[in-house]
Every structure is written in structure tokens, then in C-alpha cells.
Amino acid sequence: MKILADANIEGALVKWLRAKQVDVLWACELPDGTPDTALVERANSERRILLTYDRDFGDLAIRQRLAITGVVLLRFKPRKVVPRLALLQKHWPNIEQRALNHFMVVTDSTIRVRPLV
């Protein structure tokens, strides 16, 4: 699986994914201020799933019907990185299986999945 992690994704989550041999491009490693639409273009060109806390990607994918390889919107309640990492680890098997061509909203206890057209 290939991921484009938004700049708002903590480095610890990126590090964990890379340790699991996930191919992660982190927006923090791209030029500052890269717009969301440019991230979508990059994700599409490299067949990467967008991993983010930013609801704007949902707007782009669902309301504006912008073609996106897949979006995983994390909506975790904890604000600290350790519990967020634990939640990502808990949900990772489902994310890994279903993210391609889907918009996923992942909360502490649930995952909602919607196909992208």
C-alpha cells in the first residue's frame, strides 16, 4: 500500500507505517504550503491513499467529486500522539484492506466507508 500522509499527521504515525513497510510520502517532506489539490494530484499520479485529519479532502472527494485514489480521514478524540498511534494500529488492518477507491472516516470506535466514483 502507498500512502500520502498529510502534513497534519504526526511523525510517530508516519514512522510506524514505514516500519510496517508501507510506502509513505509525508507532506512535511514536500515544499511548504503545497495546496491540497496538488497533494491530490500527487496521490493520484502515484496511486497513493491520502491519510489526513483534514475534512477538506472529504469536501474535495465527495462534494466536488474530484477523482482521488482514496482518502482516510482520521477523527480520533485523543489529542496526544500515543493514543492516536494506538488507534491507528487498531484500525490498520481494515484501512489496509478497504482504503483504495474509498473515502473512509475512522473514529476511535468505528469506520465508515464510502466508495469514490
PDB file of N, CA and C in Angstrom:
ATOM      1  N   MET A   1       0.846  -1.182   0.000  1.00  0.00           N
ATOM      2  CA  MET A   1       0.000   0.000   0.000  1.00  0.00           C
ATOM      3  C   MET A   1       0.883   1.234   0.000  1.00  0.00           C
ATOM      4  N   LYS A   2       0.416   2.256  -0.707  1.00  0.00           N
ATOM      5  CA  LYS A   2       1.146   3.524  -0.765  1.00  0.00           C
ATOM      6  C   LYS A   2       0.267   4.616  -0.165  1.00  0.00           C
ATOM      7  N   ILE A   3       0.870   5.417   0.690  1.00  0.00           N
ATOM      8  CA  ILE A   3       0.160   6.466   1.432  1.00  0.00           C
ATOM      9  C   ILE A   3       0.802   7.815   1.151  1.00  0.00           C
ATOM     10  N   LEU A   4      -0.037   8.843   1.044  1.00  0.00           N
ATOM     11  CA  LEU A   4       0.434  10.223   1.118  1.00  0.00           C
ATOM     12  C   LEU A   4      -0.135  10.765   2.425  1.00  0.00           C
ATOM     13  N   ALA A   5       0.714  10.932   3.418  1.00  0.00           N
ATOM     14  CA  ALA A   5       0.296  11.428   4.727  1.00  0.00           C
ATOM     15  C   ALA A   5       0.315  12.952   4.706  1.00  0.00           C
ATOM     16  N   ASP A   6      -0.806  13.545   5.039  1.00  0.00           N
ATOM     17  CA  ASP A   6      -0.928  14.998   5.097  1.00  0.00           C
ATOM     18  C   ASP A   6       0.053  15.548   6.138  1.00  0.00           C
ATOM     19  N   ALA A   7       0.341  16.825   6.049  1.00  0.00           N
ATOM     20  CA  ALA A   7       1.283  17.461   6.976  1.00  0.00           C
ATOM     21  C   ALA A   7       0.785  17.421   8.418  1.00  0.00           C
ATOM     22  N   ASN A   8      -0.523  17.256   8.617  1.00  0.00           N
ATOM     23  CA  ASN A   8      -1.051  17.231   9.981  1.00  0.00           C
ATOM     24  C   ASN A   8      -0.925  15.856  10.650  1.00  0.00           C
ATOM     25  N   ILE A   9      -0.442  14.874   9.937  1.00  0.00           N
ATOM     26  CA  ILE A   9      -0.222  13.541  10.513  1.00  0.00           C
ATOM     27  C   ILE A   9       1.104  13.556  11.275  1.00  0.00           C
ATOM     28  N   GLU A  10       1.064  13.087  12.498  1.00  0.00           N
ATOM     29  CA  GLU A  10       2.245  13.123  13.359  1.00  0.00           C
ATOM     30  C   GLU A  10       3.356  12.225  12.819  1.00  0.00           C
ATOM     31  N   GLY A  11       4.588  12.660  13.042  1.00  0.00           N
ATOM     32  CA  GLY A  11       5.752  11.901  12.608  1.00  0.00           C
ATOM     33  C   GLY A  11       5.788  10.490  13.174  1.00  0.00           C
ATOM     34  N   ALA A  12       5.291  10.301  14.394  1.00  0.00           N
ATOM     35  CA  ALA A  12       5.279   8.963  15.002  1.00  0.00           C
ATOM     36  C   ALA A  12       4.393   8.003  14.213  1.00  0.00           C
ATOM     37  N   LEU A  13       3.287   8.504  13.660  1.00  0.00           N
ATOM     38  CA  LEU A  13       2.410   7.660  12.853  1.00  0.00           C
ATOM     39  C   LEU A  13       3.090   7.303  11.537  1.00  0.00           C
ATOM     40  N   VAL A  14       3.748   8.288  10.931  1.00  0.00           N
ATOM     41  CA  VAL A  14       4.489   8.049   9.687  1.00  0.00           C
ATOM     42  C   VAL A  14       5.596   7.028   9.932  1.00  0.00           C
ATOM     43  N   LYS A  15       6.317   7.187  11.025  1.00  0.00           N
ATOM     44  CA  LYS A  15       7.412   6.266  11.358  1.00  0.00           C
ATOM     45  C   LYS A  15       6.886   4.843  11.543  1.00  0.00           C
ATOM     46  N   TRP A  16       5.756   4.695  12.232  1.00  0.00           N
ATOM     47  CA  TRP A  16       5.171   3.375  12.449  1.00  0.00           C
ATOM     48  C   TRP A  16       4.768   2.735  11.122  1.00  0.00           C
ATOM     49  N   LEU A  17       4.130   3.515  10.256  1.00  0.00           N
ATOM     50  CA  LEU A  17       3.731   2.978   8.950  1.00  0.00           C
ATOM     51  C   LEU A  17       4.951   2.531   8.147  1.00  0.00           C
ATOM     52  N   ARG A  18       5.984   3.348   8.145  1.00  0.00           N
ATOM     53  CA  ARG A  18       7.200   2.981   7.411  1.00  0.00           C
ATOM     54  C   ARG A  18       7.843   1.728   7.998  1.00  0.00           C
ATOM     55  N   ALA A  19       7.784   1.571   9.310  1.00  0.00           N
ATOM     56  CA  ALA A  19       8.326   0.367   9.951  1.00  0.00           C
ATOM     57  C   ALA A  19       7.548  -0.877   9.529  1.00  0.00           C
ATOM     58  N   LYS A  20       6.283  -0.698   9.152  1.00  0.00           N
ATOM     59  CA  LYS A  20       5.461  -1.796   8.649  1.00  0.00           C
ATOM     60  C   LYS A  20       5.649  -1.998   7.144  1.00  0.00           C
ATOM     61  N   GLN A  21       6.652  -1.336   6.586  1.00  0.00           N
ATOM     62  CA  GLN A  21       6.971  -1.446   5.159  1.00  0.00           C
ATOM     63  C   GLN A  21       5.912  -0.809   4.259  1.00  0.00           C
ATOM     64  N   VAL A  22       5.150   0.149   4.798  1.00  0.00           N
ATOM     65  CA  VAL A  22       4.207   0.916   3.990  1.00  0.00           C
ATOM     66  C   VAL A  22       4.994   2.031   3.317  1.00  0.00           C
ATOM     67  N   ASP A  23       4.774   2.217   2.034  1.00  0.00           N
ATOM     68  CA  ASP A  23       5.433   3.275   1.263  1.00  0.00           C
ATOM     69  C   ASP A  23       4.713   4.588   1.577  1.00  0.00           C
ATOM     70  N   VAL A  24       5.325   5.427   2.408  1.00  0.00           N
ATOM     71  CA  VAL A  24       4.691   6.669   2.857  1.00  0.00           C
ATOM     72  C   VAL A  24       5.450   7.874   2.325  1.00  0.00           C
ATOM     73  N   LEU A  25       4.724   8.742   1.626  1.00  0.00           N
ATOM     74  CA  LEU A  25       5.219  10.068   1.274  1.00  0.00           C
ATOM     75  C   LEU A  25       4.530  11.019   2.246  1.00  0.00           C
ATOM     76  N   TRP A  26       5.314  11.775   3.013  1.00  0.00           N
ATOM     77  CA  TRP A  26       4.771  12.679   4.029  1.00  0.00           C
ATOM     78  C   TRP A  26       4.796  14.094   3.480  1.00  0.00           C
ATOM     79  N   ALA A  27       3.676  14.781   3.547  1.00  0.00           N
ATOM     80  CA  ALA A  27       3.580  16.143   3.018  1.00  0.00           C
ATOM     81  C   ALA A  27       4.596  17.077   3.672  1.00  0.00           C
ATOM     82  N   CYS A  28       5.033  16.776   4.886  1.00  0.00           N
ATOM     83  CA  CYS A  28       6.064  17.588   5.547  1.00  0.00           C
ATOM     84  C   CYS A  28       7.391  17.518   4.803  1.00  0.00           C
ATOM     85  N   GLU A  29       7.561  16.524   3.966  1.00  0.00           N
ATOM     86  CA  GLU A  29       8.784  16.371   3.186  1.00  0.00           C
ATOM     87  C   GLU A  29       8.677  17.038   1.813  1.00  0.00           C
ATOM     88  N   LEU A  30       7.532  17.627   1.536  1.00  0.00           N
ATOM     89  CA  LEU A  30       7.303  18.365   0.290  1.00  0.00           C
ATOM     90  C   LEU A  30       7.472  19.856   0.575  1.00  0.00           C
ATOM     91  N   PRO A  31       7.527  20.686  -0.466  1.00  0.00           N
ATOM     92  CA  PRO A  31       7.652  22.129  -0.223  1.00  0.00           C
ATOM     93  C   PRO A  31       6.522  22.662   0.663  1.00  0.00           C
ATOM     94  N   ASP A  32       6.870  23.590   1.560  1.00  0.00           N
ATOM     95  CA  ASP A  32       5.876  24.206   2.443  1.00  0.00           C
ATOM     96  C   ASP A  32       4.751  24.822   1.630  1.00  0.00           C
ATOM     97  N   GLY A  33       3.546  24.691   2.161  1.00  0.00           N
ATOM     98  CA  GLY A  33       2.402  25.333   1.532  1.00  0.00           C
ATOM     99  C   GLY A  33       1.866  24.614   0.312  1.00  0.00           C
ATOM    100  N   THR A  34       2.237  23.359   0.110  1.00  0.00           N
ATOM    101  CA  THR A  34       1.706  22.611  -1.029  1.00  0.00           C
ATOM    102  C   THR A  34       0.188  22.532  -0.882  1.00  0.00           C
ATOM    103  N   PRO A  35      -0.574  23.039  -1.869  1.00  0.00           N
ATOM    104  CA  PRO A  35      -2.034  23.053  -1.732  1.00  0.00           C
ATOM    105  C   PRO A  35      -2.633  21.644  -1.770  1.00  0.00           C
ATOM    106  N   ASP A  36      -3.822  21.520  -1.183  1.00  0.00           N
ATOM    107  CA  ASP A  36      -4.500  20.225  -1.141  1.00  0.00           C
ATOM    108  C   ASP A  36      -4.686  19.635  -2.534  1.00  0.00           C
ATOM    109  N   THR A  37      -5.031  20.476  -3.502  1.00  0.00           N
ATOM    110  CA  THR A  37      -5.241  19.956  -4.860  1.00  0.00           C
ATOM    111  C   THR A  37      -3.956  19.370  -5.437  1.00  0.00           C
ATOM    112  N   ALA A  38      -2.812  19.954  -5.102  1.00  0.00           N
ATOM    113  CA  ALA A  38      -1.529  19.408  -5.561  1.00  0.00           C
ATOM    114  C   ALA A  38      -1.234  18.083  -4.867  1.00  0.00           C
ATOM    115  N   LEU A  39      -1.627  17.961  -3.597  1.00  0.00           N
ATOM    116  CA  LEU A  39      -1.461  16.691  -2.893  1.00  0.00           C
ATOM    117  C   LEU A  39      -2.327  15.609  -3.533  1.00  0.00           C
ATOM    118  N   VAL A  40      -3.546  15.974  -3.907  1.00  0.00           N
ATOM    119  CA  VAL A  40      -4.440  15.022  -4.579  1.00  0.00           C
ATOM    120  C   VAL A  40      -3.834  14.580  -5.906  1.00  0.00           C
ATOM    121  N   GLU A  41      -3.329  15.530  -6.686  1.00  0.00           N
ATOM    122  CA  GLU A  41      -2.702  15.189  -7.969  1.00  0.00           C
ATOM    123  C   GLU A  41      -1.525  14.242  -7.770  1.00  0.00           C
ATOM    124  N   ARG A  42      -0.707  14.517  -6.773  1.00  0.00           N
ATOM    125  CA  ARG A  42       0.453  13.664  -6.494  1.00  0.00           C
ATOM    126  C   ARG A  42      -0.004  12.273  -6.053  1.00  0.00           C
ATOM    127  N   ALA A  43      -0.984  12.236  -5.172  1.00  0.00           N
ATOM    128  CA  ALA A  43      -1.514  10.944  -4.707  1.00  0.00           C
ATOM    129  C   ALA A  43      -2.066  10.139  -5.880  1.00  0.00           C
ATOM    130  N   ASN A  44      -2.813  10.786  -6.743  1.00  0.00           N
ATOM    131  CA  ASN A  44      -3.381  10.090  -7.901  1.00  0.00           C
ATOM    132  C   ASN A  44      -2.301   9.589  -8.844  1.00  0.00           C
ATOM    133  N   SER A  45      -1.313  10.423  -9.119  1.00  0.00           N
ATOM    134  CA  SER A  45      -0.276  10.033 -10.083  1.00  0.00           C
ATOM    135  C   SER A  45       0.555   8.860  -9.574  1.00  0.00           C
ATOM    136  N   GLU A  46       0.648   8.720  -8.243  1.00  0.00           N
ATOM    137  CA  GLU A  46       1.436   7.635  -7.649  1.00  0.00           C
ATOM    138  C   GLU A  46       0.559   6.553  -7.018  1.00  0.00           C
ATOM    139  N   ARG A  47      -0.776   6.649  -7.227  1.00  0.00           N
ATOM    140  CA  ARG A  47      -1.738   5.680  -6.665  1.00  0.00           C
ATOM    141  C   ARG A  47      -1.587   5.556  -5.145  1.00  0.00           C
ATOM    142  N   ARG A  48      -1.526   6.705  -4.487  1.00  0.00           N
ATOM    143  CA  ARG A  48      -1.394   6.747  -3.029  1.00  0.00           C
ATOM    144  C   ARG A  48      -2.735   7.091  -2.387  1.00  0.00           C
ATOM    145  N   ILE A  49      -2.963   6.545  -1.215  1.00  0.00           N
ATOM    146  CA  ILE A  49      -4.127   6.864  -0.393  1.00  0.00           C
ATOM    147  C   ILE A  49      -3.764   8.069   0.469  1.00  0.00           C
ATOM    148  N   LEU A  50      -4.652   9.059   0.522  1.00  0.00           N
ATOM    149  CA  LEU A  50      -4.424  10.225   1.379  1.00  0.00           C
ATOM    150  C   LEU A  50      -4.830   9.899   2.812  1.00  0.00           C
ATOM    151  N   LEU A  51      -3.925  10.128   3.743  1.00  0.00           N
ATOM    152  CA  LEU A  51      -4.175   9.936   5.169  1.00  0.00           C
ATOM    153  C   LEU A  51      -4.133  11.313   5.815  1.00  0.00           C
ATOM    154  N   THR A  52      -5.217  11.704   6.484  1.00  0.00           N
ATOM    155  CA  THR A  52      -5.320  13.079   6.953  1.00  0.00           C
ATOM    156  C   THR A  52      -6.255  13.212   8.151  1.00  0.00           C
ATOM    157  N   TYR A  53      -6.143  14.342   8.833  1.00  0.00           N
ATOM    158  CA  TYR A  53      -7.130  14.772   9.825  1.00  0.00           C
ATOM    159  C   TYR A  53      -8.001  15.891   9.238  1.00  0.00           C
ATOM    160  N   ASP A  54      -7.723  16.307   8.029  1.00  0.00           N
ATOM    161  CA  ASP A  54      -8.316  17.484   7.392  1.00  0.00           C
ATOM    162  C   ASP A  54      -9.595  17.118   6.631  1.00  0.00           C
ATOM    163  N   ARG A  55     -10.717  17.656   7.071  1.00  0.00           N
ATOM    164  CA  ARG A  55     -12.004  17.388   6.418  1.00  0.00           C
ATOM    165  C   ARG A  55     -12.087  17.952   5.000  1.00  0.00           C
ATOM    166  N   ASP A  56     -11.206  18.869   4.649  1.00  0.00           N
ATOM    167  CA  ASP A  56     -11.244  19.453   3.305  1.00  0.00           C
ATOM    168  C   ASP A  56     -11.111  18.391   2.219  1.00  0.00           C
ATOM    169  N   PHE A  57     -10.391  17.314   2.495  1.00  0.00           N
ATOM    170  CA  PHE A  57     -10.256  16.252   1.494  1.00  0.00           C
ATOM    171  C   PHE A  57     -11.585  15.536   1.272  1.00  0.00           C
ATOM    172  N   GLY A  58     -12.408  15.465   2.301  1.00  0.00           N
ATOM    173  CA  GLY A  58     -13.755  14.918   2.140  1.00  0.00           C
ATOM    174  C   GLY A  58     -14.585  15.795   1.236  1.00  0.00           C
ATOM    175  N   ASP A  59     -14.447  17.094   1.401  1.00  0.00           N
ATOM    176  CA  ASP A  59     -15.154  18.029   0.535  1.00  0.00           C
ATOM    177  C   ASP A  59     -14.711  17.854  -0.916  1.00  0.00           C
ATOM    178  N   LEU A  60     -13.411  17.732  -1.129  1.00  0.00           N
ATOM    179  CA  LEU A  60     -12.901  17.545  -2.492  1.00  0.00           C
ATOM    180  C   LEU A  60     -13.404  16.234  -3.099  1.00  0.00           C
ATOM    181  N   ALA A  61     -13.391  15.172  -2.306  1.00  0.00           N
ATOM    182  CA  ALA A  61     -13.755  13.850  -2.822  1.00  0.00           C
ATOM    183  C   ALA A  61     -15.260  13.671  -2.982  1.00  0.00           C
ATOM    184  N   ILE A  62     -16.034  14.128  -2.028  1.00  0.00           N
ATOM    185  CA  ILE A  62     -17.472  13.852  -2.019  1.00  0.00           C
ATOM    186  C   ILE A  62     -18.274  14.980  -2.661  1.00  0.00           C
ATOM    187  N   ARG A  63     -18.123  16.180  -2.171  1.00  0.00           N
ATOM    188  CA  ARG A  63     -18.941  17.288  -2.684  1.00  0.00           C
ATOM    189  C   ARG A  63     -18.498  17.751  -4.067  1.00  0.00           C
ATOM    190  N   GLN A  64     -17.188  17.899  -4.243  1.00  0.00           N
ATOM    191  CA  GLN A  64     -16.688  18.388  -5.530  1.00  0.00           C
ATOM    192  C   GLN A  64     -16.417  17.255  -6.519  1.00  0.00           C
ATOM    193  N   ARG A  65     -16.534  16.016  -6.054  1.00  0.00           N
ATOM    194  CA  ARG A  65     -16.342  14.826  -6.889  1.00  0.00           C
ATOM    195  C   ARG A  65     -15.003  14.815  -7.626  1.00  0.00           C
ATOM    196  N   LEU A  66     -13.991  15.317  -6.953  1.00  0.00           N
ATOM    197  CA  LEU A  66     -12.646  15.285  -7.505  1.00  0.00           C
ATOM    198  C   LEU A  66     -12.137  13.850  -7.428  1.00  0.00           C
ATOM    199  N   ALA A  67     -11.576  13.364  -8.515  1.00  0.00           N
ATOM    200  CA  ALA A  67     -11.064  11.990  -8.534  1.00  0.00           C
ATOM    201  C   ALA A  67      -9.897  11.868  -7.556  1.00  0.00           C
ATOM    202  N   ILE A  68     -10.004  10.919  -6.647  1.00  0.00           N
ATOM    203  CA  ILE A  68      -8.962  10.670  -5.653  1.00  0.00           C
ATOM    204  C   ILE A  68      -8.816   9.161  -5.506  1.00  0.00           C
ATOM    205  N   THR A  69      -7.589   8.700  -5.423  1.00  0.00           N
ATOM    206  CA  THR A  69      -7.307   7.269  -5.288  1.00  0.00           C
ATOM    207  C   THR A  69      -7.964   6.685  -4.043  1.00  0.00           C
ATOM    208  N   GLY A  70      -8.021   7.445  -2.976  1.00  0.00           N
ATOM    209  CA  GLY A  70      -8.631   7.021  -1.719  1.00  0.00           C
ATOM    210  C   GLY A  70      -8.289   8.023  -0.636  1.00  0.00           C
ATOM    211  N   VAL A  71      -9.175   8.150   0.345  1.00  0.00           N
ATOM    212  CA  VAL A  71      -8.953   9.075   1.460  1.00  0.00           C
ATOM    213  C   VAL A  71      -9.279   8.353   2.761  1.00  0.00           C
ATOM    214  N   VAL A  72      -8.386   8.481   3.729  1.00  0.00           N
ATOM    215  CA  VAL A  72      -8.642   8.004   5.084  1.00  0.00           C
ATOM    216  C   VAL A  72      -8.612   9.229   5.987  1.00  0.00           C
ATOM    217  N   LEU A  73      -9.791   9.611   6.467  1.00  0.00           N
ATOM    218  CA  LEU A  73      -9.942  10.765   7.346  1.00  0.00           C
ATOM    219  C   LEU A  73      -9.973  10.265   8.786  1.00  0.00           C
ATOM    220  N   LEU A  74      -8.953  10.603   9.540  1.00  0.00           N
ATOM    221  CA  LEU A  74      -8.867  10.198  10.942  1.00  0.00           C
ATOM    222  C   LEU A  74      -9.593  11.225  11.805  1.00  0.00           C
ATOM    223  N   ARG A  75     -10.521  10.756  12.624  1.00  0.00           N
ATOM    224  CA  ARG A  75     -11.295  11.629  13.511  1.00  0.00           C
ATOM    225  C   ARG A  75     -11.160  11.119  14.944  1.00  0.00           C
ATOM    226  N   PHE A  76      -9.927  11.012  15.407  1.00  0.00           N
ATOM    227  CA  PHE A  76      -9.658  10.493  16.741  1.00  0.00           C
ATOM    228  C   PHE A  76      -9.894  11.570  17.792  1.00  0.00           C
ATOM    229  N   LYS A  77     -10.505  11.187  18.908  1.00  0.00           N
ATOM    230  CA  LYS A  77     -10.729  12.138  20.002  1.00  0.00           C
ATOM    231  C   LYS A  77      -9.454  12.491  20.755  1.00  0.00           C
ATOM    232  N   PRO A  78      -8.599  11.503  21.062  1.00  0.00           N
ATOM    233  CA  PRO A  78      -7.382  11.883  21.796  1.00  0.00           C
ATOM    234  C   PRO A  78      -6.544  12.884  20.997  1.00  0.00           C
ATOM    235  N   ARG A  79      -5.966  13.818  21.689  1.00  0.00           N
ATOM    236  CA  ARG A  79      -5.127  14.828  21.037  1.00  0.00           C
ATOM    237  C   ARG A  79      -3.645  14.496  21.148  1.00  0.00           C
ATOM    238  N   LYS A  80      -3.311  13.498  21.937  1.00  0.00           N
ATOM    239  CA  LYS A  80      -1.899  13.134  22.125  1.00  0.00           C
ATOM    240  C   LYS A  80      -1.523  12.014  21.171  1.00  0.00           C
ATOM    241  N   VAL A  81      -0.264  12.007  20.792  1.00  0.00           N
ATOM    242  CA  VAL A  81       0.191  11.104  19.741  1.00  0.00           C
ATOM    243  C   VAL A  81       0.143   9.633  20.146  1.00  0.00           C
ATOM    244  N   VAL A  82       0.438   9.296  21.384  1.00  0.00           N
ATOM    245  CA  VAL A  82       0.481   7.876  21.779  1.00  0.00           C
ATOM    246  C   VAL A  82      -0.891   7.213  21.620  1.00  0.00           C
ATOM    247  N   PRO A  83      -1.984   7.814  22.143  1.00  0.00           N
ATOM    248  CA  PRO A  83      -3.283   7.178  21.911  1.00  0.00           C
ATOM    249  C   PRO A  83      -3.695   7.186  20.437  1.00  0.00           C
ATOM    250  N   ARG A  84      -3.312   8.210  19.699  1.00  0.00           N
ATOM    251  CA  ARG A  84      -3.633   8.238  18.267  1.00  0.00           C
ATOM    252  C   ARG A  84      -2.920   7.109  17.534  1.00  0.00           C
ATOM    253  N   LEU A  85      -1.673   6.883  17.880  1.00  0.00           N
ATOM    254  CA  LEU A  85      -0.924   5.787  17.269  1.00  0.00           C
ATOM    255  C   LEU A  85      -1.583   4.449  17.599  1.00  0.00           C
ATOM    256  N   ALA A  86      -2.009   4.275  18.836  1.00  0.00           N
ATOM    257  CA  ALA A  86      -2.681   3.030  19.229  1.00  0.00           C
ATOM    258  C   ALA A  86      -3.967   2.823  18.431  1.00  0.00           C
ATOM    259  N   LEU A  87      -4.703   3.896  18.183  1.00  0.00           N
ATOM    260  CA  LEU A  87      -5.934   3.787  17.398  1.00  0.00           C
ATOM    261  C   LEU A  87      -5.632   3.453  15.937  1.00  0.00           C
ATOM    262  N   LEU A  88      -4.603   4.064  15.374  1.00  0.00           N
ATOM    263  CA  LEU A  88      -4.220   3.729  14.001  1.00  0.00           C
ATOM    264  C   LEU A  88      -3.818   2.254  13.919  1.00  0.00           C
ATOM    265  N   GLN A  89      -3.055   1.796  14.890  1.00  0.00           N
ATOM    266  CA  GLN A  89      -2.641   0.387  14.911  1.00  0.00           C
ATOM    267  C   GLN A  89      -3.856  -0.537  15.002  1.00  0.00           C
ATOM    268  N   LYS A  90      -4.826  -0.166  15.810  1.00  0.00           N
ATOM    269  CA  LYS A  90      -6.044  -0.967  15.972  1.00  0.00           C
ATOM    270  C   LYS A  90      -6.819  -1.073  14.661  1.00  0.00           C
ATOM    271  N   HIS A  91      -6.951   0.047  13.961  1.00  0.00           N
ATOM    272  CA  HIS A  91      -7.777   0.091  12.753  1.00  0.00           C
ATOM    273  C   HIS A  91      -7.013  -0.246  11.475  1.00  0.00           C
ATOM    274  N   TRP A  92      -5.697  -0.349  11.551  1.00  0.00           N
ATOM    275  CA  TRP A  92      -4.894  -0.505  10.341  1.00  0.00           C
ATOM    276  C   TRP A  92      -5.315  -1.679   9.455  1.00  0.00           C
ATOM    277  N   PRO A  93      -5.602  -2.866   9.993  1.00  0.00           N
ATOM    278  CA  PRO A  93      -5.988  -3.967   9.096  1.00  0.00           C
ATOM    279  C   PRO A  93      -7.191  -3.625   8.210  1.00  0.00           C
ATOM    280  N   ASN A  94      -8.200  -2.963   8.767  1.00  0.00           N
ATOM    281  CA  ASN A  94      -9.365  -2.562   7.967  1.00  0.00           C
ATOM    282  C   ASN A  94      -9.017  -1.476   6.967  1.00  0.00           C
ATOM    283  N   ILE A  95      -8.211  -0.522   7.387  1.00  0.00           N
ATOM    284  CA  ILE A  95      -7.797   0.551   6.483  1.00  0.00           C
ATOM    285  C   ILE A  95      -7.043  -0.043   5.303  1.00  0.00           C
ATOM    286  N   GLU A  96      -6.105  -0.908   5.605  1.00  0.00           N
ATOM    287  CA  GLU A  96      -5.261  -1.501   4.569  1.00  0.00           C
ATOM    288  C   GLU A  96      -6.090  -2.279   3.546  1.00  0.00           C
ATOM    289  N   GLN A  97      -7.124  -2.957   3.991  1.00  0.00           N
ATOM    290  CA  GLN A  97      -7.953  -3.766   3.099  1.00  0.00           C
ATOM    291  C   GLN A  97      -8.916  -2.943   2.262  1.00  0.00           C
ATOM    292  N   ARG A  98      -9.386  -1.805   2.778  1.00  0.00           N
ATOM    293  CA  ARG A  98     -10.533  -1.148   2.149  1.00  0.00           C
ATOM    294  C   ARG A  98     -10.299   0.266   1.624  1.00  0.00           C
ATOM    295  N   ALA A  99      -9.141   0.841   1.830  1.00  0.00           N
ATOM    296  CA  ALA A  99      -8.956   2.263   1.526  1.00  0.00           C
ATOM    297  C   ALA A  99      -8.936   2.583   0.032  1.00  0.00           C
ATOM    298  N   LEU A 100      -8.394   1.711  -0.776  1.00  0.00           N
ATOM    299  CA  LEU A 100      -8.273   2.004  -2.202  1.00  0.00           C
ATOM    300  C   LEU A 100      -9.653   2.243  -2.810  1.00  0.00           C
ATOM    301  N   ASN A 101      -9.788   3.384  -3.489  1.00  0.00           N
ATOM    302  CA  ASN A 101     -11.035   3.788  -4.152  1.00  0.00           C
ATOM    303  C   ASN A 101     -12.194   4.027  -3.186  1.00  0.00           C
ATOM    304  N   HIS A 102     -11.874   4.321  -1.932  1.00  0.00           N
ATOM    305  CA  HIS A 102     -12.906   4.597  -0.939  1.00  0.00           C
ATOM    306  C   HIS A 102     -12.556   5.840  -0.121  1.00  0.00           C
ATOM    307  N   PHE A 103     -13.601   6.433   0.434  1.00  0.00           N
ATOM    308  CA  PHE A 103     -13.456   7.503   1.413  1.00  0.00           C
ATOM    309  C   PHE A 103     -13.802   6.883   2.754  1.00  0.00           C
ATOM    310  N   MET A 104     -12.844   6.872   3.664  1.00  0.00           N
ATOM    311  CA  MET A 104     -13.042   6.249   4.968  1.00  0.00           C
ATOM    312  C   MET A 104     -12.952   7.305   6.063  1.00  0.00           C
ATOM    313  N   VAL A 105     -13.885   7.251   6.985  1.00  0.00           N
ATOM    314  CA  VAL A 105     -13.822   8.078   8.184  1.00  0.00           C
ATOM    315  C   VAL A 105     -13.578   7.118   9.341  1.00  0.00           C
ATOM    316  N   VAL A 106     -12.438   7.294   9.996  1.00  0.00           N
ATOM    317  CA  VAL A 106     -12.025   6.389  11.064  1.00  0.00           C
ATOM    318  C   VAL A 106     -12.078   7.148  12.385  1.00  0.00           C
ATOM    319  N   THR A 107     -12.940   6.678  13.284  1.00  0.00           N
ATOM    320  CA  THR A 107     -13.043   7.283  14.613  1.00  0.00           C
ATOM    321  C   THR A 107     -12.421   6.326  15.631  1.00  0.00           C
ATOM    322  N   ASP A 108     -12.514   6.694  16.886  1.00  0.00           N
ATOM    323  CA  ASP A 108     -11.964   5.838  17.938  1.00  0.00           C
ATOM    324  C   ASP A 108     -12.542   4.423  17.868  1.00  0.00           C
ATOM    325  N   SER A 109     -13.840   4.320  17.568  1.00  0.00           N
ATOM    326  CA  SER A 109     -14.504   3.015  17.651  1.00  0.00           C
ATOM    327  C   SER A 109     -15.151   2.527  16.360  1.00  0.00           C
ATOM    328  N   THR A 110     -15.231   3.366  15.336  1.00  0.00           N
ATOM    329  CA  THR A 110     -15.929   2.957  14.112  1.00  0.00           C
ATOM    330  C   THR A 110     -15.150   3.346  12.860  1.00  0.00           C
ATOM    331  N   ILE A 111     -15.533   2.698  11.770  1.00  0.00           N
ATOM    332  CA  ILE A 111     -15.024   3.063  10.448  1.00  0.00           C
ATOM    333  C   ILE A 111     -16.225   3.137   9.516  1.00  0.00           C
ATOM    334  N   ARG A 112     -16.380   4.279   8.856  1.00  0.00           N
ATOM    335  CA  ARG A 112     -17.411   4.421   7.829  1.00  0.00           C
ATOM    336  C   ARG A 112     -16.705   4.433   6.478  1.00  0.00           C
ATOM    337  N   VAL A 113     -17.256   3.704   5.531  1.00  0.00           N
ATOM    338  CA  VAL A 113     -16.621   3.552   4.226  1.00  0.00           C
ATOM    339  C   VAL A 113     -17.620   3.924   3.144  1.00  0.00           C
ATOM    340  N   ARG A 114     -17.160   4.743   2.205  1.00  0.00           N
ATOM    341  CA  ARG A 114     -17.998   5.159   1.082  1.00  0.00           C
ATOM    342  C   ARG A 114     -17.177   5.026  -0.194  1.00  0.00           C
ATOM    343  N   PRO A 115     -17.724   4.357  -1.207  1.00  0.00           N
ATOM    344  CA  PRO A 115     -16.972   4.245  -2.460  1.00  0.00           C
ATOM    345  C   PRO A 115     -16.811   5.608  -3.125  1.00  0.00           C
ATOM    346  N   LEU A 116     -15.682   5.796  -3.764  1.00  0.00           N
ATOM    347  CA  LEU A 116     -15.444   7.016  -4.538  1.00  0.00           C
ATOM    348  C   LEU A 116     -15.784   6.721  -5.993  1.00  0.00           C
ATOM    349  N   VAL A 117     -16.466   7.646  -6.617  1.00  0.00           N
ATOM    350  CA  VAL A 117     -16.873   7.463  -8.018  1.00  0.00           C
ATOM    351  C   VAL A 117     -15.775   7.937  -8.931  1.00  0.00           C
TER     352      VAL A 117
END
